[in-house]
Protein backbone atom coordinates (compact mmCIF):
# COMPACT_ATOMS: atom_id res chain seq x y z
CA MET A 1 -44.99 -18.48 -190.57
CA ARG A 2 -44.48 -16.04 -193.33
CA ARG A 3 -42.55 -17.19 -196.40
CA CYS A 4 -40.00 -14.98 -198.36
CA PRO A 5 -40.88 -14.41 -202.01
CA PRO A 6 -38.84 -16.50 -204.50
CA GLY A 7 -35.36 -15.18 -204.92
CA LYS A 8 -34.84 -13.69 -201.44
CA VAL A 9 -32.98 -15.19 -198.71
CA ASN A 10 -34.74 -15.65 -195.41
CA PRO A 11 -33.20 -13.52 -192.51
CA VAL A 12 -33.40 -16.36 -190.13
CA LEU A 13 -31.25 -18.55 -192.27
CA ILE A 14 -28.62 -15.76 -192.42
CA ALA A 15 -28.79 -15.37 -188.74
CA PHE A 16 -28.12 -19.07 -188.38
CA LEU A 17 -25.27 -19.43 -191.05
CA ILE A 18 -23.01 -16.59 -190.05
CA PRO A 19 -22.32 -17.91 -186.44
CA LEU A 20 -22.14 -21.30 -187.80
CA ALA A 21 -19.49 -20.20 -190.27
CA VAL A 22 -17.45 -18.38 -187.49
CA ILE A 23 -17.53 -21.58 -185.39
CA VAL A 24 -16.23 -23.93 -188.36
CA ALA A 25 -13.49 -21.32 -189.24
CA ALA A 26 -12.30 -21.17 -185.45
CA ALA A 27 -12.31 -24.86 -185.12
CA VAL A 28 -10.19 -25.22 -188.46
CA PHE A 29 -7.69 -22.68 -187.01
CA MET A 30 -7.46 -24.49 -183.70
CA VAL A 31 -6.82 -27.82 -185.34
CA ALA A 32 -4.20 -26.29 -187.85
CA ARG A 33 -2.47 -24.53 -184.86
CA ASN A 34 -2.07 -27.70 -182.75
CA HIS A 35 -1.12 -29.91 -185.86
CA MET A 36 2.46 -28.75 -185.87
CA HIS A 37 3.18 -29.17 -182.17
CA HIS A 38 1.65 -32.84 -182.29
CA SER A 39 2.92 -33.99 -185.71
CA ALA A 40 6.43 -34.90 -184.43
CA GLU A 41 7.67 -36.85 -181.38
CA PRO A 42 9.01 -34.61 -178.49
CA PHE A 43 12.86 -33.63 -178.54
CA ASP A 44 14.96 -35.84 -176.37
CA MET A 45 17.73 -33.62 -174.87
CA ALA A 46 19.53 -36.69 -173.21
CA ALA A 47 19.67 -38.55 -176.46
CA TYR A 48 20.93 -35.43 -178.15
CA ASN A 49 23.66 -35.04 -175.47
CA ARG A 50 24.78 -38.62 -175.73
CA SER A 51 25.09 -38.62 -179.54
CA ALA A 52 23.72 -35.81 -181.65
CA SER A 53 24.77 -37.47 -184.82
CA ASP A 54 22.38 -40.46 -184.19
CA LEU A 55 19.61 -38.04 -184.49
CA GLN A 56 20.68 -36.35 -187.75
CA GLY A 57 17.82 -36.15 -190.25
CA ASN A 58 15.15 -36.60 -187.52
CA GLN A 59 12.35 -34.11 -186.89
CA TYR A 60 11.10 -33.33 -183.58
CA SER A 61 8.67 -30.87 -181.63
CA LEU A 62 10.19 -28.73 -178.98
CA ASP A 63 8.63 -26.21 -176.51
CA ALA A 64 11.21 -23.64 -175.92
CA GLN A 65 11.69 -20.12 -174.49
CA ILE A 66 14.02 -17.75 -176.10
CA ASP A 67 16.97 -17.02 -173.78
CA SER A 68 19.14 -14.92 -175.91
CA GLN A 69 20.25 -14.30 -179.45
CA LEU A 70 23.85 -15.65 -180.17
CA ARG A 71 24.25 -14.39 -183.69
CA TRP A 72 22.23 -12.65 -186.45
CA ASP A 73 23.11 -12.83 -190.03
CA GLU A 74 20.93 -10.42 -192.09
CA GLY A 75 19.10 -12.34 -194.77
CA PHE A 76 20.13 -15.65 -193.57
CA GLY A 77 19.00 -16.11 -189.94
CA ARG A 78 19.74 -16.22 -186.24
CA TYR A 79 21.28 -18.41 -183.71
CA LEU A 80 19.31 -18.59 -180.55
CA ALA A 81 19.92 -19.91 -177.13
CA VAL A 82 16.67 -21.44 -175.86
CA LYS A 83 15.58 -22.93 -172.57
CA LEU A 84 13.41 -26.03 -172.85
CA VAL A 85 10.00 -25.46 -171.30
CA ASN A 86 9.87 -29.11 -169.95
CA GLY A 87 13.49 -29.73 -169.16
CA THR A 88 16.51 -28.24 -167.98
CA GLY A 89 19.36 -26.93 -169.94
CA ARG A 90 19.90 -24.57 -172.86
CA LEU A 91 20.17 -25.48 -176.50
CA ALA A 92 21.45 -23.51 -179.65
CA VAL A 93 18.82 -23.44 -182.39
CA PHE A 94 19.19 -21.91 -185.88
CA VAL A 95 16.25 -20.00 -187.05
CA PRO A 96 16.21 -19.06 -190.79
CA ASP A 97 14.80 -15.68 -191.62
CA SER A 98 12.18 -17.44 -193.66
CA VAL A 99 10.88 -19.20 -190.45
CA ALA A 100 10.74 -16.17 -187.98
CA SER A 101 12.23 -12.87 -188.66
CA GLU A 102 11.61 -11.28 -185.38
CA VAL A 103 12.00 -13.00 -181.99
CA ARG A 104 12.49 -11.57 -178.53
CA PRO A 105 14.04 -13.09 -175.17
CA ASN A 106 11.51 -14.68 -172.96
CA GLN A 107 8.96 -15.49 -175.70
CA ARG A 108 7.80 -18.95 -175.72
CA TYR A 109 7.50 -21.26 -178.90
CA HIS A 110 6.25 -24.49 -180.21
CA MET A 111 9.01 -25.37 -182.64
CA LYS A 112 9.17 -28.14 -185.40
CA ILE A 113 12.99 -28.77 -185.49
CA MET A 114 15.33 -30.91 -187.47
CA VAL A 115 18.67 -32.16 -186.39
CA LYS A 116 21.12 -31.29 -189.23
CA ASP A 117 24.83 -32.16 -189.92
CA GLN A 118 27.21 -32.09 -186.92
CA GLY A 119 24.07 -31.85 -184.53
CA LEU A 120 23.00 -28.36 -185.69
CA ILE A 121 19.30 -27.99 -184.67
CA GLU A 122 17.33 -25.88 -187.27
CA ALA A 123 13.78 -24.70 -186.62
CA GLU A 124 11.51 -25.66 -189.64
CA GLU A 125 8.47 -23.98 -188.17
CA MET A 126 7.73 -21.85 -185.11
CA GLN A 127 4.48 -20.70 -183.33
CA LYS A 128 4.46 -18.33 -180.32
CA TYR A 129 2.27 -19.36 -177.52
């Protein structure tokens, strides 16, 4: 086997390291992407309907499909009607512009939500899937 002169990098080593770096980067991306969805307990629509005030201040994960936009206030955010992917019924969710500035009907999102004052549901993070 031929050795490289001192100060030169072996091309075989480069050919090995580049794919390894790509695989590591892809793994980190997948873990980060799934972290949001699995970091909070699933939203319980039945408990919310019974007493939204009991859930104030709690964070949940929610898989939802955008049904329609109810209202948009430029520079503030939008109120969306969403359908729960793993359930029935519709839910109003406030999405600040800082979280998502553009959403369209029928798009599906993993959301991290918080139940605020008077039962307002606010999206803290959203990721389209």
